[in-house]
PDB file of N, CA and C in Angstrom:
ATOM      1  N   MET A   1       0.259  -4.260 -14.513  1.00  0.00           N
ATOM      2  CA  MET A   1       1.561  -3.756 -14.445  1.00  0.00           C
ATOM      3  C   MET A   1       2.586  -4.295 -15.514  1.00  0.00           C
ATOM      4  N   SER A   2       4.201  -3.432 -16.275  1.00  0.00           N
ATOM      5  CA  SER A   2       4.037  -3.762 -16.251  1.00  0.00           C
ATOM      6  C   SER A   2       5.617  -3.167 -16.442  1.00  0.00           C
ATOM      7  N   ASP A   3       6.361  -1.974 -15.894  1.00  0.00           N
ATOM      8  CA  ASP A   3       6.655  -0.695 -15.042  1.00  0.00           C
ATOM      9  C   ASP A   3       7.364  -1.957 -13.911  1.00  0.00           C
ATOM     10  N   LEU A   4       8.604  -1.495 -14.224  1.00  0.00           N
ATOM     11  CA  LEU A   4       9.769  -1.514 -13.251  1.00  0.00           C
ATOM     12  C   LEU A   4       9.148  -0.637 -11.467  1.00  0.00           C
ATOM     13  N   LEU A   5       8.408  -0.788  -9.992  1.00  0.00           N
ATOM     14  CA  LEU A   5       7.997   0.015  -9.098  1.00  0.00           C
ATOM     15  C   LEU A   5       9.849   0.430  -8.991  1.00  0.00           C
ATOM     16  N   SER A   6       9.520   1.206  -7.766  1.00  0.00           N
ATOM     17  CA  SER A   6      10.796   2.261  -7.694  1.00  0.00           C
ATOM     18  C   SER A   6      11.295   1.943  -6.175  1.00  0.00           C
ATOM     19  N   ARG A   7      12.997   1.500  -5.669  1.00  0.00           N
ATOM     20  CA  ARG A   7      12.778   1.561  -3.830  1.00  0.00           C
ATOM     21  C   ARG A   7      11.187   1.638  -3.136  1.00  0.00           C
ATOM     22  N   GLU A   8      11.140   3.417  -3.340  1.00  0.00           N
ATOM     23  CA  GLU A   8       9.825   3.588  -2.396  1.00  0.00           C
ATOM     24  C   GLU A   8       8.921   2.385  -2.999  1.00  0.00           C
ATOM     25  N   GLN A   9       8.046   2.423  -4.405  1.00  0.00           N
ATOM     26  CA  GLN A   9       7.267   2.019  -4.308  1.00  0.00           C
ATOM     27  C   GLN A   9       7.214   0.239  -3.168  1.00  0.00           C
ATOM     28  N   TRP A  10       7.343   0.168  -3.522  1.00  0.00           N
ATOM     29  CA  TRP A  10       8.510  -1.896  -3.519  1.00  0.00           C
ATOM     30  C   TRP A  10       7.684  -1.293  -1.591  1.00  0.00           C
ATOM     31  N   GLU A  11       8.153  -0.283  -1.206  1.00  0.00           N
ATOM     32  CA  GLU A  11       8.522  -0.564  -0.185  1.00  0.00           C
ATOM     33  C   GLU A  11       7.154   0.307   1.181  1.00  0.00           C
ATOM     34  N   THR A  12       6.512   0.653  -0.494  1.00  0.00           N
ATOM     35  CA  THR A  12       5.617   0.973   0.999  1.00  0.00           C
ATOM     36  C   THR A  12       4.103  -0.261   0.375  1.00  0.00           C
ATOM     37  N   LEU A  13       4.292  -1.041  -0.750  1.00  0.00           N
ATOM     38  CA  LEU A  13       3.660  -2.083  -0.988  1.00  0.00           C
ATOM     39  C   LEU A  13       3.961  -3.168   0.228  1.00  0.00           C
ATOM     40  N   THR A  14       4.894  -3.284   0.328  1.00  0.00           N
ATOM     41  CA  THR A  14       5.599  -4.503   1.576  1.00  0.00           C
ATOM     42  C   THR A  14       4.263  -4.338   2.978  1.00  0.00           C
ATOM     43  N   ARG A  15       4.851  -2.494   2.972  1.00  0.00           N
ATOM     44  CA  ARG A  15       4.197  -2.153   4.312  1.00  0.00           C
ATOM     45  C   ARG A  15       2.462  -2.553   4.617  1.00  0.00           C
ATOM     46  N   LEU A  16       1.877  -2.437   2.910  1.00  0.00           N
ATOM     47  CA  LEU A  16       0.815  -2.790   2.622  1.00  0.00           C
ATOM     48  C   LEU A  16       0.287  -4.031   2.447  1.00  0.00           C
ATOM     49  N   TYR A  17       1.548  -4.530   2.401  1.00  0.00           N
ATOM     50  CA  TYR A  17       1.050  -6.045   2.539  1.00  0.00           C
ATOM     51  C   TYR A  17       1.159  -6.494   4.169  1.00  0.00           C
ATOM     52  N   GLY A  18       2.305  -6.418   4.301  1.00  0.00           N
ATOM     53  CA  GLY A  18       2.151  -6.329   6.070  1.00  0.00           C
ATOM     54  C   GLY A  18       0.624  -6.212   6.483  1.00  0.00           C
ATOM     55  N   ALA A  19       0.345  -4.935   5.964  1.00  0.00           N
ATOM     56  CA  ALA A  19      -1.020  -4.917   7.135  1.00  0.00           C
ATOM     57  C   ALA A  19      -1.704  -5.382   6.853  1.00  0.00           C
ATOM     58  N   GLY A  20      -2.022  -6.036   5.654  1.00  0.00           N
ATOM     59  CA  GLY A  20      -3.322  -6.955   5.316  1.00  0.00           C
ATOM     60  C   GLY A  20      -4.721  -5.983   5.016  1.00  0.00           C
ATOM     61  N   ARG A  21      -5.722  -6.135   4.860  1.00  0.00           N
ATOM     62  CA  ARG A  21      -7.314  -6.077   4.838  1.00  0.00           C
ATOM     63  C   ARG A  21      -7.447  -5.301   5.596  1.00  0.00           C
ATOM     64  N   ARG A  22      -6.594  -4.665   6.962  1.00  0.00           N
ATOM     65  CA  ARG A  22      -6.961  -4.052   7.506  1.00  0.00           C
ATOM     66  C   ARG A  22      -6.344  -2.291   7.373  1.00  0.00           C
ATOM     67  N   GLY A  23      -5.526  -2.262   5.949  1.00  0.00           N
ATOM     68  CA  GLY A  23      -4.616  -1.712   5.855  1.00  0.00           C
ATOM     69  C   GLY A  23      -4.271  -0.106   7.241  1.00  0.00           C
ATOM     70  N   ILE A  24      -3.317   1.024   6.752  1.00  0.00           N
ATOM     71  CA  ILE A  24      -2.893   1.972   7.405  1.00  0.00           C
ATOM     72  C   ILE A  24      -4.018   2.495   6.736  1.00  0.00           C
ATOM     73  N   GLU A  25      -4.058   3.662   8.528  1.00  0.00           N
ATOM     74  CA  GLU A  25      -4.576   4.638   8.900  1.00  0.00           C
ATOM     75  C   GLU A  25      -4.129   6.323   8.457  1.00  0.00           C
ATOM     76  N   ALA A  26      -5.186   6.881   7.974  1.00  0.00           N
ATOM     77  CA  ALA A  26      -4.435   8.042   6.975  1.00  0.00           C
ATOM     78  C   ALA A  26      -4.358   9.674   8.768  1.00  0.00           C
ATOM     79  N   ALA A  27      -2.909   9.815   8.737  1.00  0.00           N
ATOM     80  CA  ALA A  27      -2.798  10.985   9.714  1.00  0.00           C
ATOM     81  C   ALA A  27      -2.564  12.348   9.264  1.00  0.00           C
ATOM     82  N   GLY A  28      -3.108  13.442   9.327  1.00  0.00           N
ATOM     83  CA  GLY A  28      -2.833  14.514   9.158  1.00  0.00           C
ATOM     84  C   GLY A  28      -3.564  14.265   7.864  1.00  0.00           C
ATOM     85  N   GLY A  29      -4.861  13.350   7.261  1.00  0.00           N
ATOM     86  CA  GLY A  29      -4.708  13.227   5.385  1.00  0.00           C
ATOM     87  C   GLY A  29      -3.735  13.075   4.854  1.00  0.00           C
ATOM     88  N   ARG A  30      -3.273  11.981   5.164  1.00  0.00           N
ATOM     89  CA  ARG A  30      -2.045  11.522   3.921  1.00  0.00           C
ATOM     90  C   ARG A  30      -1.847  10.185   4.824  1.00  0.00           C
ATOM     91  N   TYR A  31      -1.452   9.205   4.508  1.00  0.00           N
ATOM     92  CA  TYR A  31      -0.492   7.680   5.054  1.00  0.00           C
ATOM     93  C   TYR A  31       1.391   7.272   5.674  1.00  0.00           C
ATOM     94  N   PRO A  32       0.977   9.112   6.206  1.00  0.00           N
ATOM     95  CA  PRO A  32       2.371   8.407   6.195  1.00  0.00           C
ATOM     96  C   PRO A  32       3.278   6.491   6.488  1.00  0.00           C
ATOM     97  N   ALA A  33       2.826   5.956   7.310  1.00  0.00           N
ATOM     98  CA  ALA A  33       2.845   5.414   7.720  1.00  0.00           C
ATOM     99  C   ALA A  33       3.162   3.688   6.722  1.00  0.00           C
ATOM    100  N   ALA A  34       2.335   4.166   6.112  1.00  0.00           N
ATOM    101  CA  ALA A  34       2.275   3.610   4.746  1.00  0.00           C
ATOM    102  C   ALA A  34       3.884   4.006   3.598  1.00  0.00           C
ATOM    103  N   GLY A  35       3.986   4.889   3.436  1.00  0.00           N
ATOM    104  CA  GLY A  35       5.388   5.551   3.029  1.00  0.00           C
ATOM    105  C   GLY A  35       4.745   7.291   2.114  1.00  0.00           C
ATOM    106  N   SER A  36       6.006   7.363   1.379  1.00  0.00           N
ATOM    107  CA  SER A  36       5.125   8.552   1.072  1.00  0.00           C
ATOM    108  C   SER A  36       3.390   9.119  -0.035  1.00  0.00           C
ATOM    109  N   TRP A  37       3.223   9.929  -0.332  1.00  0.00           N
ATOM    110  CA  TRP A  37       1.596  10.353  -0.063  1.00  0.00           C
ATOM    111  C   TRP A  37       2.135   9.871  -2.031  1.00  0.00           C
ATOM    112  N   ASP A  38       3.236   9.953  -2.716  1.00  0.00           N
ATOM    113  CA  ASP A  38       3.551  10.433  -3.278  1.00  0.00           C
ATOM    114  C   ASP A  38       3.624   8.317  -4.220  1.00  0.00           C
ATOM    115  N   ALA A  39       4.604   7.263  -3.730  1.00  0.00           N
ATOM    116  CA  ALA A  39       3.951   5.560  -3.503  1.00  0.00           C
ATOM    117  C   ALA A  39       2.620   4.944  -3.934  1.00  0.00           C
ATOM    118  N   VAL A  40       1.682   5.866  -2.506  1.00  0.00           N
ATOM    119  CA  VAL A  40       0.964   5.686  -2.533  1.00  0.00           C
ATOM    120  C   VAL A  40       0.140   5.631  -3.750  1.00  0.00           C
ATOM    121  N   ARG A  41      -0.181   6.935  -3.814  1.00  0.00           N
ATOM    122  CA  ARG A  41      -0.805   7.191  -5.607  1.00  0.00           C
ATOM    123  C   ARG A  41      -0.460   6.587  -6.357  1.00  0.00           C
ATOM    124  N   SER A  42       0.688   6.654  -6.612  1.00  0.00           N
ATOM    125  CA  SER A  42       1.176   5.689  -8.130  1.00  0.00           C
ATOM    126  C   SER A  42       0.405   3.907  -7.901  1.00  0.00           C
ATOM    127  N   LEU A  43       0.610   3.266  -6.295  1.00  0.00           N
ATOM    128  CA  LEU A  43       0.167   2.314  -6.755  1.00  0.00           C
ATOM    129  C   LEU A  43      -1.084   2.552  -6.556  1.00  0.00           C
ATOM    130  N   ARG A  44      -2.118   3.553  -6.372  1.00  0.00           N
ATOM    131  CA  ARG A  44      -3.687   3.839  -6.925  1.00  0.00           C
ATOM    132  C   ARG A  44      -4.277   3.314  -7.549  1.00  0.00           C
ATOM    133  N   ASP A  45      -2.645   4.485  -8.858  1.00  0.00           N
ATOM    134  CA  ASP A  45      -3.500   4.202 -10.245  1.00  0.00           C
ATOM    135  C   ASP A  45      -2.833   3.378 -11.559  1.00  0.00           C
ATOM    136  N   THR A  46      -2.330   2.367 -10.622  1.00  0.00           N
ATOM    137  CA  THR A  46      -1.926   1.711 -11.256  1.00  0.00           C
ATOM    138  C   THR A  46      -2.698   0.731 -12.485  1.00  0.00           C
ATOM    139  N   ASP A  47      -2.583   0.183 -13.112  1.00  0.00           N
ATOM    140  CA  ASP A  47      -3.878  -0.977 -13.852  1.00  0.00           C
ATOM    141  C   ASP A  47      -4.022  -1.918 -13.862  1.00  0.00           C
ATOM    142  N   PRO A  48      -4.549  -2.798 -12.955  1.00  0.00           N
ATOM    143  CA  PRO A  48      -5.641  -2.583 -12.213  1.00  0.00           C
ATOM    144  C   PRO A  48      -4.632  -1.395 -10.660  1.00  0.00           C
ATOM    145  N   PRO A  49      -5.689  -1.423  -9.892  1.00  0.00           N
ATOM    146  CA  PRO A  49      -4.398  -0.970  -9.169  1.00  0.00           C
ATOM    147  C   PRO A  49      -4.082  -1.992  -7.681  1.00  0.00           C
ATOM    148  N   LEU A  50      -2.488  -1.247  -7.025  1.00  0.00           N
ATOM    149  CA  LEU A  50      -1.877  -2.359  -6.213  1.00  0.00           C
ATOM    150  C   LEU A  50      -2.487  -2.301  -4.749  1.00  0.00           C
ATOM    151  N   ALA A  51      -2.813  -0.943  -4.568  1.00  0.00           N
ATOM    152  CA  ALA A  51      -3.576   0.160  -3.262  1.00  0.00           C
ATOM    153  C   ALA A  51      -4.825   0.240  -4.118  1.00  0.00           C
ATOM    154  N   ARG A  52      -5.712   0.617  -2.206  1.00  0.00           N
ATOM    155  CA  ARG A  52      -6.741   1.896  -2.884  1.00  0.00           C
ATOM    156  C   ARG A  52      -6.890   2.133  -1.555  1.00  0.00           C
ATOM    157  N   GLU A  53      -7.636   3.475  -1.123  1.00  0.00           N
ATOM    158  CA  GLU A  53      -8.352   3.988  -0.528  1.00  0.00           C
ATOM    159  C   GLU A  53     -10.130   4.731   0.123  1.00  0.00           C
ATOM    160  N   LEU A  54      -9.763   3.459   1.056  1.00  0.00           N
ATOM    161  CA  LEU A  54     -10.957   3.444   2.109  1.00  0.00           C
ATOM    162  C   LEU A  54     -11.569   4.403   3.260  1.00  0.00           C
ATOM    163  N   PHE A  55     -12.355   4.085   4.130  1.00  0.00           N
ATOM    164  CA  PHE A  55     -12.968   3.997   4.295  1.00  0.00           C
ATOM    165  C   PHE A  55     -14.349   3.313   5.897  1.00  0.00           C
ATOM    166  N   ARG A  56     -14.228   3.205   6.972  1.00  0.00           N
ATOM    167  CA  ARG A  56     -15.179   2.713   7.401  1.00  0.00           C
ATOM    168  C   ARG A  56     -15.133   3.303   8.884  1.00  0.00           C
ATOM    169  N   TYR A  57     -16.133   3.773   9.396  1.00  0.00           N
ATOM    170  CA  TYR A  57     -16.189   3.736  10.751  1.00  0.00           C
ATOM    171  C   TYR A  57     -16.497   2.826  11.890  1.00  0.00           C
ATOM    172  N   ASN A  58     -15.778   3.987  12.631  1.00  0.00           N
ATOM    173  CA  ASN A  58     -15.016   3.571  14.529  1.00  0.00           C
ATOM    174  C   ASN A  58     -15.726   3.386  14.831  1.00  0.00           C
ATOM    175  N   GLU A  59     -16.745   2.656  15.754  1.00  0.00           N
ATOM    176  CA  GLU A  59     -17.603   3.096  16.859  1.00  0.00           C
ATOM    177  C   GLU A  59     -17.102   3.878  18.320  1.00  0.00           C
ATOM    178  N   THR A  60     -15.667   3.365  18.238  1.00  0.00           N
ATOM    179  CA  THR A  60     -14.767   3.474  19.542  1.00  0.00           C
ATOM    180  C   THR A  60     -14.444   4.839  19.381  1.00  0.00           C
ATOM    181  N   LEU A  61     -14.154   5.265  18.083  1.00  0.00           N
ATOM    182  CA  LEU A  61     -13.192   6.970  18.041  1.00  0.00           C
ATOM    183  C   LEU A  61     -15.134   7.581  17.791  1.00  0.00           C
ATOM    184  N   GLN A  62     -15.911   6.990  17.874  1.00  0.00           N
ATOM    185  CA  GLN A  62     -16.588   7.611  17.454  1.00  0.00           C
ATOM    186  C   GLN A  62     -16.900   8.037  16.091  1.00  0.00           C
ATOM    187  N   ARG A  63     -16.524   8.464  14.886  1.00  0.00           N
ATOM    188  CA  ARG A  63     -15.277   9.079  14.026  1.00  0.00           C
ATOM    189  C   ARG A  63     -15.801   7.663  12.418  1.00  0.00           C
ATOM    190  N   THR A  64     -15.791   8.651  11.370  1.00  0.00           N
ATOM    191  CA  THR A  64     -14.991   8.090  10.032  1.00  0.00           C
ATOM    192  C   THR A  64     -13.762   7.773  10.037  1.00  0.00           C
ATOM    193  N   VAL A  65     -13.174   6.708   9.671  1.00  0.00           N
ATOM    194  CA  VAL A  65     -11.472   6.705   9.779  1.00  0.00           C
ATOM    195  C   VAL A  65     -10.757   5.845   8.015  1.00  0.00           C
ATOM    196  N   PHE A  66     -10.372   7.136   7.997  1.00  0.00           N
ATOM    197  CA  PHE A  66      -9.758   6.912   6.627  1.00  0.00           C
ATOM    198  C   PHE A  66      -8.290   5.874   5.914  1.00  0.00           C
ATOM    199  N   TYR A  67      -8.136   4.801   5.216  1.00  0.00           N
ATOM    200  CA  TYR A  67      -7.079   4.217   5.523  1.00  0.00           C
ATOM    201  C   TYR A  67      -7.209   3.564   3.619  1.00  0.00           C
ATOM    202  N   VAL A  68      -5.398   2.854   3.644  1.00  0.00           N
ATOM    203  CA  VAL A  68      -5.244   2.497   2.705  1.00  0.00           C
ATOM    204  C   VAL A  68      -5.077   1.278   2.773  1.00  0.00           C
ATOM    205  N   ALA A  69      -4.911   0.023   2.056  1.00  0.00           N
ATOM    206  CA  ALA A  69      -5.610  -0.932   2.100  1.00  0.00           C
ATOM    207  C   ALA A  69      -5.008  -1.389   0.675  1.00  0.00           C
ATOM    208  N   ILE A  70      -4.017  -2.615   0.876  1.00  0.00           N
ATOM    209  CA  ILE A  70      -3.232  -3.352  -0.870  1.00  0.00           C
ATOM    210  C   ILE A  70      -4.594  -4.176  -1.370  1.00  0.00           C
ATOM    211  N   THR A  71      -4.555  -4.187  -2.587  1.00  0.00           N
ATOM    212  CA  THR A  71      -5.958  -4.887  -3.339  1.00  0.00           C
ATOM    213  C   THR A  71      -5.553  -6.562  -4.185  1.00  0.00           C
ATOM    214  N   GLY A  72      -6.500  -6.934  -3.991  1.00  0.00           N
ATOM    215  CA  GLY A  72      -6.263  -8.427  -4.294  1.00  0.00           C
ATOM    216  C   GLY A  72      -4.418  -8.520  -5.326  1.00  0.00           C
ATOM    217  N   ALA A  73      -5.298  -7.526  -6.250  1.00  0.00           N
ATOM    218  CA  ALA A  73      -4.342  -7.308  -7.310  1.00  0.00           C
ATOM    219  C   ALA A  73      -2.819  -7.295  -6.978  1.00  0.00           C
ATOM    220  N   GLY A  74      -2.578  -6.022  -5.895  1.00  0.00           N
ATOM    221  CA  GLY A  74      -1.753  -6.007  -4.792  1.00  0.00           C
ATOM    222  C   GLY A  74      -0.955  -7.181  -4.378  1.00  0.00           C
ATOM    223  N   VAL A  75      -2.195  -7.746  -4.400  1.00  0.00           N
ATOM    224  CA  VAL A  75      -1.000  -9.332  -2.884  1.00  0.00           C
ATOM    225  C   VAL A  75      -0.369  -9.216  -4.076  1.00  0.00           C
ATOM    226  N   GLN A  76      -1.377 -10.481  -5.638  1.00  0.00           N
ATOM    227  CA  GLN A  76      -0.762 -11.047  -6.187  1.00  0.00           C
ATOM    228  C   GLN A  76       0.284 -10.751  -6.598  1.00  0.00           C
ATOM    229  N   PHE A  77       0.767  -9.308  -6.879  1.00  0.00           N
ATOM    230  CA  PHE A  77       1.429  -8.496  -7.903  1.00  0.00           C
ATOM    231  C   PHE A  77       2.626  -8.991  -6.573  1.00  0.00           C
ATOM    232  N   TYR A  78       2.590  -8.898  -5.415  1.00  0.00           N
ATOM    233  CA  TYR A  78       3.290  -8.430  -4.279  1.00  0.00           C
ATOM    234  C   TYR A  78       3.845 -10.611  -4.010  1.00  0.00           C
ATOM    235  N   GLU A  79       3.517 -10.941  -3.848  1.00  0.00           N
ATOM    236  CA  GLU A  79       3.041 -13.305  -3.741  1.00  0.00           C
ATOM    237  C   GLU A  79       4.076 -12.784  -5.023  1.00  0.00           C
ATOM    238  N   LYS A  80       3.730 -12.541  -5.836  1.00  0.00           N
ATOM    239  CA  LYS A  80       5.009 -13.621  -7.550  1.00  0.00           C
ATOM    240  C   LYS A  80       6.179 -12.709  -8.330  1.00  0.00           C
ATOM    241  N   GLN A  81       6.352 -10.613  -7.463  1.00  0.00           N
ATOM    242  CA  GLN A  81       7.338 -10.808  -7.182  1.00  0.00           C
ATOM    243  C   GLN A  81       8.229  -9.991  -6.291  1.00  0.00           C
ATOM    244  N   ARG A  82       7.337 -11.216  -5.281  1.00  0.00           N
ATOM    245  CA  ARG A  82       8.328 -11.062  -3.941  1.00  0.00           C
ATOM    246  C   ARG A  82      10.938 -11.379  -4.086  1.00  0.00           C
ATOM    247  N   ARG A  83      10.861 -12.130  -4.743  1.00  0.00           N
ATOM    248  CA  ARG A  83      11.940 -12.658  -4.436  1.00  0.00           C
ATOM    249  C   ARG A  83      12.365 -12.013  -5.796  1.00  0.00           C
ATOM    250  N   MET A  84      12.058 -11.113  -7.344  1.00  0.00           N
ATOM    251  CA  MET A  84      12.441 -10.684  -7.514  1.00  0.00           C
ATOM    252  C   MET A  84      12.867  -8.931  -6.926  1.00  0.00           C
ATOM    253  N   TYR A  85      11.955  -8.415  -6.643  1.00  0.00           N
ATOM    254  CA  TYR A  85      12.277  -6.774  -5.805  1.00  0.00           C
ATOM    255  C   TYR A  85      12.982  -7.301  -4.868  1.00  0.00           C
ATOM    256  N   ASN A  86      12.833  -8.026  -3.769  1.00  0.00           N
ATOM    257  CA  ASN A  86      13.316  -8.106  -2.943  1.00  0.00           C
ATOM    258  C   ASN A  86      14.859  -8.899  -3.267  1.00  0.00           C
ATOM    259  N   ALA A  87      15.297  -9.251  -4.319  1.00  0.00           N
ATOM    260  CA  ALA A  87      16.777  -8.898  -4.339  1.00  0.00           C
ATOM    261  C   ALA A  87      17.659  -8.116  -5.751  1.00  0.00           C
ATOM    262  N   PHE A  88      16.518  -7.100  -6.244  1.00  0.00           N
ATOM    263  CA  PHE A  88      16.728  -4.933  -6.775  1.00  0.00           C
ATOM    264  C   PHE A  88      17.287  -4.543  -5.253  1.00  0.00           C
ATOM    265  N   TYR A  89      15.778  -5.176  -4.316  1.00  0.00           N
ATOM    266  CA  TYR A  89      15.801  -3.777  -3.300  1.00  0.00           C
ATOM    267  C   TYR A  89      15.906  -4.797  -1.848  1.00  0.00           C
ATOM    268  N   PRO A  90      17.015  -5.329  -1.809  1.00  0.00           N
ATOM    269  CA  PRO A  90      16.989  -5.600  -0.451  1.00  0.00           C
ATOM    270  C   PRO A  90      16.975  -4.875   0.874  1.00  0.00           C
ATOM    271  N   PRO A  91      15.877  -5.733   1.726  1.00  0.00           N
ATOM    272  CA  PRO A  91      15.616  -5.426   2.482  1.00  0.00           C
ATOM    273  C   PRO A  91      16.546  -4.746   4.095  1.00  0.00           C
ATOM    274  N   GLY A  92      16.198  -3.613   3.869  1.00  0.00           N
ATOM    275  CA  GLY A  92      17.064  -3.100   4.965  1.00  0.00           C
ATOM    276  C   GLY A  92      16.981  -3.637   6.872  1.00  0.00           C
TER     277      GLY A  92
END
């Protein structure tokens, strides 16, 4: 990953970092609580991927739940780059 993330991508990665391994569940086939589909997809499609789409079975709901979560590479990237990106895109 050598390109600078956009503000939208960084904010999405920040949300995913905050969600941890539990990730952010899909709603309506996308992940609006994480960010735009374009931002999620771009993080998923980086090399190495910074996010991934997964699923788990929810016993209480008796259904499969789809979610997006940060990867190990995403955690490393976030922790290494946090100060720089917060200077570029101050948290609002």
